[in-house]
Amino acid sequence: MILAGSDLYRLVYASKNLLGPDDDPAGAVDQILDASRRNNGPAGITGALLFNGGAFAQVLEGPRDAVELTFERIQRDLRHGEVTVLQCGPAESRGFPDWSMAFVGRSPRGQQLWSGLAAESGFDLTRLDGDAVFSMLHTLVLDEEGTPAAPAAVAVVADLDAARLRAAPEPAPAPRPQPAEPAAAPAASPALGVLRAALAEERQRTTALRDELDDLRIALAAGEAQVAAAMRERDLWAERARLLAATLCQEAEAVRRAALRPSAEEAVPVLRTA
């Protein structure tokens, strides 16, 4: 499916890995990739996935309806937790035109780049930069295709501590050396952080409302079943009352007739003989 730039939509997200200690991470990722590649082709979706012991990062691009439907399935997947949208909106061109879902999580360089981004965010997924995550995945895919790519502008640190990322602590930011010259790249807009926080809050509220709606539907269905049962019981007792009333009327009529019979006999004149 070929889309014009104005029809192309891109979404970048990150999520915590909720696989249990007894789960097989490699097997789970293979299942995710198999499902993605099976569903994404017909839907016109391309993208890339990175998995590190503590988290997932993924890019989805294609028709907006298809991307949003795919993202809804991801949010309901119990292997993902605290799913956070890092970037979403129209895109001019695909970053992964040849990949229904590229996987770059096994390369040492991918682990290093992802560790750097995670460390810069303070191991807080909501503070990850969507552009940086997209650029990282794009660079890694180009590397795997054997295409030269410009070095990614992210710090490279030791491998990511999966347990630390799962816990998502809030450490105090480490002091940074002051550059002698003004930084070439502009500082991130404070409004961007506010919008991300608002988006995360809206997502949480939407999830809560969806759960509440499900509970109300269940309660409504249960209530309808109870009403139907009560109506059947009411009809049963109404029929019993009707039969009892009819029987009572018959008994009352019989008593009335029995009471009138002696009076009728007394009214008959007695003939006396001379």
Foldseek 3Di string as FASTA:
>chain_A
DDDAQQQKKKWKKKFWFPDDPPDDVVVVVVVVQVVLLVPQVVQQWFWEWADDLTMIIIMIMGGPVSVVVVVVVVVVDPRTHLIAIQDIDGGRDDLGNPGSYHYQHPDPVLQQQVQQQCVVQLLARLSGHRVLSRVSRSCSVCVVVVHDDDDRPTDGDDGHDNVCSNVSDDDDDDDDDDDPDPDPDDDDDPVSSVVRVVVSVVVVVVVVVVVVVVVVVVVVVVVVVVVVVVVVVVVVVVVVVVVVVVVVVVVVVVVVVVVCVVVVVVVDDDDDDD
